[in-house]
Amino acid sequence: MRIPALFFASLVVLLLAACGSKEPRSSASTETIAQASRSVSEKGNEVVFYAMGLIDTGYRFGGKNPEAGLDCSGMVSYIYGQATGLRVQGSAAEIARSSKPIAKAELRPGDLVFFNTLNRSFSHVGIYIGETRFIHAPSTNGKVRIDRLSDSYYAQRFQAARTFFD
């Protein structure tokens, strides 16, 4: 049981290192998010590690598990439940209401980022993984993937940062 966990953790570290390479990106800004006064969260790191294992999982509106497909709020609910045992339920807007607001500059891995993608508040949610990146289940291209908060589409629609951790 311990060996698969170590293997998975090693794989995640390698994936994160590979994702850190420089490549040209179109973005609205070249912002960085400084890791401010909030200390690293062990639960947040568990959330990120678990989320990385779901990359390329298929999208399905209303989906709440990887076998059937995931939508954005279903992905967050599933990951938080599996990685931390925390029950997070409802739509992106309901998740926003049940979590604690934080400043964008205070984001740390495992926190949530919310967007207005359907001309209504808190219509999309993702999990912040660090270095301005977040993992989410967008309907566009139909798979769980990583994007950057500074990508023009998300930068224009960013709405709030929230957390379930101290």
C-alpha atoms as a PDB file:
ATOM      1  CA  MET A   1       0.000   0.000   0.000  1.00  0.00           C
ATOM      2  CA  ARG A   2       2.866   2.376   0.803  1.00  0.00           C
ATOM      3  CA  ILE A   3       4.761   1.671  -2.438  1.00  0.00           C
ATOM      4  CA  PRO A   4       1.887   2.774  -4.752  1.00  0.00           C
ATOM      5  CA  ALA A   5       1.503   6.003  -2.758  1.00  0.00           C
ATOM      6  CA  LEU A   6       5.219   6.744  -3.097  1.00  0.00           C
ATOM      7  CA  PHE A   7       5.115   5.879  -6.793  1.00  0.00           C
ATOM      8  CA  PHE A   8       2.117   8.187  -7.301  1.00  0.00           C
ATOM      9  CA  ALA A   9       3.790  11.029  -5.380  1.00  0.00           C
ATOM     10  CA  SER A  10       6.956  10.614  -7.469  1.00  0.00           C
ATOM     11  CA  LEU A  11       4.896  10.647 -10.660  1.00  0.00           C
ATOM     12  CA  VAL A  12       3.134  13.864  -9.597  1.00  0.00           C
ATOM     13  CA  VAL A  13       6.476  15.541  -8.827  1.00  0.00           C
ATOM     14  CA  LEU A  14       7.764  14.574 -12.272  1.00  0.00           C
ATOM     15  CA  LEU A  15       4.594  15.869 -13.932  1.00  0.00           C
ATOM     16  CA  LEU A  16       4.819  19.164 -12.082  1.00  0.00           C
ATOM     17  CA  ALA A  17       8.467  19.521 -13.056  1.00  0.00           C
ATOM     18  CA  ALA A  18       7.617  18.820 -16.694  1.00  0.00           C
ATOM     19  CA  CYS A  19       4.809  21.390 -16.613  1.00  0.00           C
ATOM     20  CA  GLY A  20       7.232  24.026 -15.359  1.00  0.00           C
ATOM     21  CA  SER A  21       9.071  24.419 -18.666  1.00  0.00           C
ATOM     22  CA  LYS A  22       8.950  27.802 -20.372  1.00  0.00           C
ATOM     23  CA  GLU A  23       6.834  28.072 -23.475  1.00  0.00           C
ATOM     24  CA  PRO A  24       5.210  31.029 -25.171  1.00  0.00           C
ATOM     25  CA  ARG A  25       1.623  31.577 -24.057  1.00  0.00           C
ATOM     26  CA  SER A  26      -0.917  34.127 -25.090  1.00  0.00           C
ATOM     27  CA  SER A  27      -2.100  35.912 -21.988  1.00  0.00           C
ATOM     28  CA  ALA A  28      -3.706  39.119 -20.869  1.00  0.00           C
ATOM     29  CA  SER A  29      -1.002  39.680 -18.286  1.00  0.00           C
ATOM     30  CA  THR A  30       2.260  38.266 -17.042  1.00  0.00           C
ATOM     31  CA  GLU A  31       1.093  38.318 -13.451  1.00  0.00           C
ATOM     32  CA  THR A  32       2.521  36.113 -10.780  1.00  0.00           C
ATOM     33  CA  ILE A  33       0.854  35.214  -7.545  1.00  0.00           C
ATOM     34  CA  ALA A  34       3.209  35.587  -4.634  1.00  0.00           C
ATOM     35  CA  GLN A  35       2.844  32.939  -1.984  1.00  0.00           C
ATOM     36  CA  ALA A  36       1.994  35.284   0.853  1.00  0.00           C
ATOM     37  CA  SER A  37       1.449  34.863   4.561  1.00  0.00           C
ATOM     38  CA  ARG A  38      -0.621  31.650   4.498  1.00  0.00           C
ATOM     39  CA  SER A  39       1.490  28.603   5.270  1.00  0.00           C
ATOM     40  CA  VAL A  40       1.491  25.495   3.090  1.00  0.00           C
ATOM     41  CA  SER A  41      -1.506  23.269   3.714  1.00  0.00           C
ATOM     42  CA  GLU A  42      -0.940  19.513   3.915  1.00  0.00           C
ATOM     43  CA  LYS A  43      -4.598  18.930   2.992  1.00  0.00           C
ATOM     44  CA  GLY A  44      -4.242  21.330   0.070  1.00  0.00           C
ATOM     45  CA  ASN A  45      -1.247  19.391  -1.209  1.00  0.00           C
ATOM     46  CA  GLU A  46      -3.237  16.143  -0.940  1.00  0.00           C
ATOM     47  CA  VAL A  47      -6.005  17.752  -3.003  1.00  0.00           C
ATOM     48  CA  VAL A  48      -3.496  18.743  -5.703  1.00  0.00           C
ATOM     49  CA  PHE A  49      -1.852  15.299  -5.800  1.00  0.00           C
ATOM     50  CA  TYR A  50      -5.235  13.629  -6.158  1.00  0.00           C
ATOM     51  CA  ALA A  51      -6.357  16.119  -8.822  1.00  0.00           C
ATOM     52  CA  MET A  52      -3.260  15.482 -10.936  1.00  0.00           C
ATOM     53  CA  GLY A  53      -4.298  11.852 -11.240  1.00  0.00           C
ATOM     54  CA  LEU A  54      -7.536  12.937 -12.942  1.00  0.00           C
ATOM     55  CA  ILE A  55      -5.973  14.841 -15.847  1.00  0.00           C
ATOM     56  CA  ASP A  56      -7.609  13.806 -19.144  1.00  0.00           C
ATOM     57  CA  THR A  57     -10.705  12.416 -17.390  1.00  0.00           C
ATOM     58  CA  GLY A  58     -13.698  13.029 -19.625  1.00  0.00           C
ATOM     59  CA  TYR A  59     -16.147  15.891 -19.073  1.00  0.00           C
ATOM     60  CA  ARG A  60     -19.840  15.244 -18.468  1.00  0.00           C
ATOM     61  CA  PHE A  61     -22.349  17.867 -17.365  1.00  0.00           C
ATOM     62  CA  GLY A  62     -23.524  16.886 -13.888  1.00  0.00           C
ATOM     63  CA  GLY A  63     -20.776  14.245 -13.656  1.00  0.00           C
ATOM     64  CA  LYS A  64     -19.634  13.403 -10.145  1.00  0.00           C
ATOM     65  CA  ASN A  65     -17.123  10.565 -10.605  1.00  0.00           C
ATOM     66  CA  PRO A  66     -14.282   9.801 -13.020  1.00  0.00           C
ATOM     67  CA  GLU A  67     -15.921   6.664 -14.430  1.00  0.00           C
ATOM     68  CA  ALA A  68     -18.989   8.558 -15.627  1.00  0.00           C
ATOM     69  CA  GLY A  69     -17.190  11.855 -16.320  1.00  0.00           C
ATOM     70  CA  LEU A  70     -16.837  15.037 -14.296  1.00  0.00           C
ATOM     71  CA  ASP A  71     -18.044  18.596 -14.526  1.00  0.00           C
ATOM     72  CA  CYS A  72     -16.249  21.370 -12.633  1.00  0.00           C
ATOM     73  CA  SER A  73     -18.188  21.181  -9.369  1.00  0.00           C
ATOM     74  CA  GLY A  74     -18.378  17.388  -9.510  1.00  0.00           C
ATOM     75  CA  MET A  75     -14.597  17.270  -9.905  1.00  0.00           C
ATOM     76  CA  VAL A  76     -14.059  19.522  -6.867  1.00  0.00           C
ATOM     77  CA  SER A  77     -16.553  17.521  -4.785  1.00  0.00           C
ATOM     78  CA  TYR A  78     -15.003  14.200  -5.777  1.00  0.00           C
ATOM     79  CA  ILE A  79     -11.403  15.287  -5.187  1.00  0.00           C
ATOM     80  CA  TYR A  80     -12.055  16.955  -1.828  1.00  0.00           C
ATOM     81  CA  GLY A  81     -13.998  13.904  -0.651  1.00  0.00           C
ATOM     82  CA  GLN A  82     -11.361  11.408  -1.759  1.00  0.00           C
ATOM     83  CA  ALA A  83      -8.262  13.397  -0.752  1.00  0.00           C
ATOM     84  CA  THR A  84      -9.440  14.937   2.534  1.00  0.00           C
ATOM     85  CA  GLY A  85     -12.762  13.343   3.469  1.00  0.00           C
ATOM     86  CA  LEU A  86     -14.363  16.807   3.293  1.00  0.00           C
ATOM     87  CA  ARG A  87     -17.929  16.842   1.967  1.00  0.00           C
ATOM     88  CA  VAL A  88     -18.151  19.577  -0.651  1.00  0.00           C
ATOM     89  CA  GLN A  89     -21.422  19.564  -2.541  1.00  0.00           C
ATOM     90  CA  GLY A  90     -23.499  21.549  -4.970  1.00  0.00           C
ATOM     91  CA  SER A  91     -22.885  23.782  -7.943  1.00  0.00           C
ATOM     92  CA  ALA A  92     -19.884  26.050  -8.316  1.00  0.00           C
ATOM     93  CA  ALA A  93     -21.954  28.910  -6.833  1.00  0.00           C
ATOM     94  CA  GLU A  94     -22.983  26.758  -3.841  1.00  0.00           C
ATOM     95  CA  ILE A  95     -19.361  25.713  -3.280  1.00  0.00           C
ATOM     96  CA  ALA A  96     -18.371  29.396  -3.372  1.00  0.00           C
ATOM     97  CA  ARG A  97     -20.982  30.239  -0.727  1.00  0.00           C
ATOM     98  CA  SER A  98     -19.781  27.448   1.577  1.00  0.00           C
ATOM     99  CA  SER A  99     -16.066  28.297   1.353  1.00  0.00           C
ATOM    100  CA  LYS A 100     -14.054  31.134   2.885  1.00  0.00           C
ATOM    101  CA  PRO A 101     -13.065  34.116   0.700  1.00  0.00           C
ATOM    102  CA  ILE A 102      -9.330  34.822   0.380  1.00  0.00           C
ATOM    103  CA  ALA A 103      -7.343  37.355  -1.613  1.00  0.00           C
ATOM    104  CA  LYS A 104      -5.979  36.198  -4.971  1.00  0.00           C
ATOM    105  CA  ALA A 105      -2.494  36.937  -3.643  1.00  0.00           C
ATOM    106  CA  GLU A 106      -3.140  34.470  -0.793  1.00  0.00           C
ATOM    107  CA  LEU A 107      -3.818  31.473  -3.068  1.00  0.00           C
ATOM    108  CA  ARG A 108      -1.973  28.287  -2.223  1.00  0.00           C
ATOM    109  CA  PRO A 109      -2.250  24.769  -3.651  1.00  0.00           C
ATOM    110  CA  GLY A 110      -5.615  23.163  -2.959  1.00  0.00           C
ATOM    111  CA  ASP A 111      -7.553  26.435  -2.788  1.00  0.00           C
ATOM    112  CA  LEU A 112     -10.402  27.116  -5.203  1.00  0.00           C
ATOM    113  CA  VAL A 113     -10.620  29.623  -8.039  1.00  0.00           C
ATOM    114  CA  PHE A 114     -13.965  30.773  -9.419  1.00  0.00           C
ATOM    115  CA  PHE A 115     -14.890  32.273 -12.767  1.00  0.00           C
ATOM    116  CA  ASN A 116     -17.860  33.897 -14.474  1.00  0.00           C
ATOM    117  CA  THR A 117     -17.983  31.856 -17.691  1.00  0.00           C
ATOM    118  CA  LEU A 118     -21.735  31.844 -18.370  1.00  0.00           C
ATOM    119  CA  ASN A 119     -22.582  35.487 -17.657  1.00  0.00           C
ATOM    120  CA  ARG A 120     -23.456  34.588 -14.080  1.00  0.00           C
ATOM    121  CA  SER A 121     -21.428  34.714 -10.908  1.00  0.00           C
ATOM    122  CA  PHE A 122     -19.467  31.644  -9.845  1.00  0.00           C
ATOM    123  CA  SER A 123     -20.414  29.559 -12.880  1.00  0.00           C
ATOM    124  CA  HIS A 124     -17.074  27.691 -13.035  1.00  0.00           C
ATOM    125  CA  VAL A 125     -14.622  26.410 -10.401  1.00  0.00           C
ATOM    126  CA  GLY A 126     -11.124  24.961 -10.466  1.00  0.00           C
ATOM    127  CA  ILE A 127      -8.443  23.907  -7.981  1.00  0.00           C
ATOM    128  CA  TYR A 128      -5.358  26.089  -7.723  1.00  0.00           C
ATOM    129  CA  ILE A 129      -2.159  24.025  -8.015  1.00  0.00           C
ATOM    130  CA  GLY A 130       0.491  26.758  -7.775  1.00  0.00           C
ATOM    131  CA  GLU A 131       2.498  29.067 -10.055  1.00  0.00           C
ATOM    132  CA  THR A 132      -0.720  30.650 -11.435  1.00  0.00           C
ATOM    133  CA  ARG A 133      -1.961  27.241 -12.654  1.00  0.00           C
ATOM    134  CA  PHE A 134      -5.242  25.521 -11.846  1.00  0.00           C
ATOM    135  CA  ILE A 135      -6.825  22.203 -12.723  1.00  0.00           C
ATOM    136  CA  HIS A 136     -10.444  22.090 -13.814  1.00  0.00           C
ATOM    137  CA  ALA A 137     -13.063  20.251 -15.857  1.00  0.00           C
ATOM    138  CA  PRO A 138     -14.109  22.608 -18.642  1.00  0.00           C
ATOM    139  CA  SER A 139     -16.711  21.566 -21.184  1.00  0.00           C
ATOM    140  CA  THR A 140     -14.452  22.990 -23.918  1.00  0.00           C
ATOM    141  CA  ASN A 141     -12.310  20.132 -25.280  1.00  0.00           C
ATOM    142  CA  GLY A 142     -14.088  17.819 -22.845  1.00  0.00           C
ATOM    143  CA  LYS A 143     -11.292  16.758 -20.470  1.00  0.00           C
ATOM    144  CA  VAL A 144      -9.881  17.650 -17.049  1.00  0.00           C
ATOM    145  CA  ARG A 145      -6.836  19.813 -17.725  1.00  0.00           C
ATOM    146  CA  ILE A 146      -4.476  22.465 -16.378  1.00  0.00           C
ATOM    147  CA  ASP A 147      -4.702  26.113 -17.422  1.00  0.00           C
ATOM    148  CA  ARG A 148      -3.207  29.378 -16.174  1.00  0.00           C
ATOM    149  CA  LEU A 149      -5.036  32.173 -14.399  1.00  0.00           C
ATOM    150  CA  SER A 150      -3.130  34.580 -16.663  1.00  0.00           C
ATOM    151  CA  ASP A 151      -4.470  33.037 -19.896  1.00  0.00           C
ATOM    152  CA  SER A 152      -6.585  35.782 -21.425  1.00  0.00           C
ATOM    153  CA  TYR A 153      -9.861  33.815 -21.299  1.00  0.00           C
ATOM    154  CA  TYR A 154      -9.544  33.039 -17.572  1.00  0.00           C
ATOM    155  CA  ALA A 155      -7.940  36.348 -16.597  1.00  0.00           C
ATOM    156  CA  GLN A 156     -10.961  38.206 -17.996  1.00  0.00           C
ATOM    157  CA  ARG A 157     -13.407  35.925 -16.189  1.00  0.00           C
ATOM    158  CA  PHE A 158     -11.645  35.400 -12.844  1.00  0.00           C
ATOM    159  CA  GLN A 159     -14.050  36.184 -10.036  1.00  0.00           C
ATOM    160  CA  ALA A 160     -12.773  34.998  -6.663  1.00  0.00           C
ATOM    161  CA  ALA A 161     -10.433  32.819  -4.644  1.00  0.00           C
ATOM    162  CA  ARG A 162     -11.787  30.728  -1.790  1.00  0.00           C
ATOM    163  CA  THR A 163     -10.592  28.061   0.611  1.00  0.00           C
ATOM    164  CA  PHE A 164     -11.811  25.315   2.892  1.00  0.00           C
ATOM    165  CA  PHE A 165      -8.501  25.246   4.768  1.00  0.00           C
ATOM    166  CA  ASP A 166      -7.216  27.483   7.574  1.00  0.00           C
END
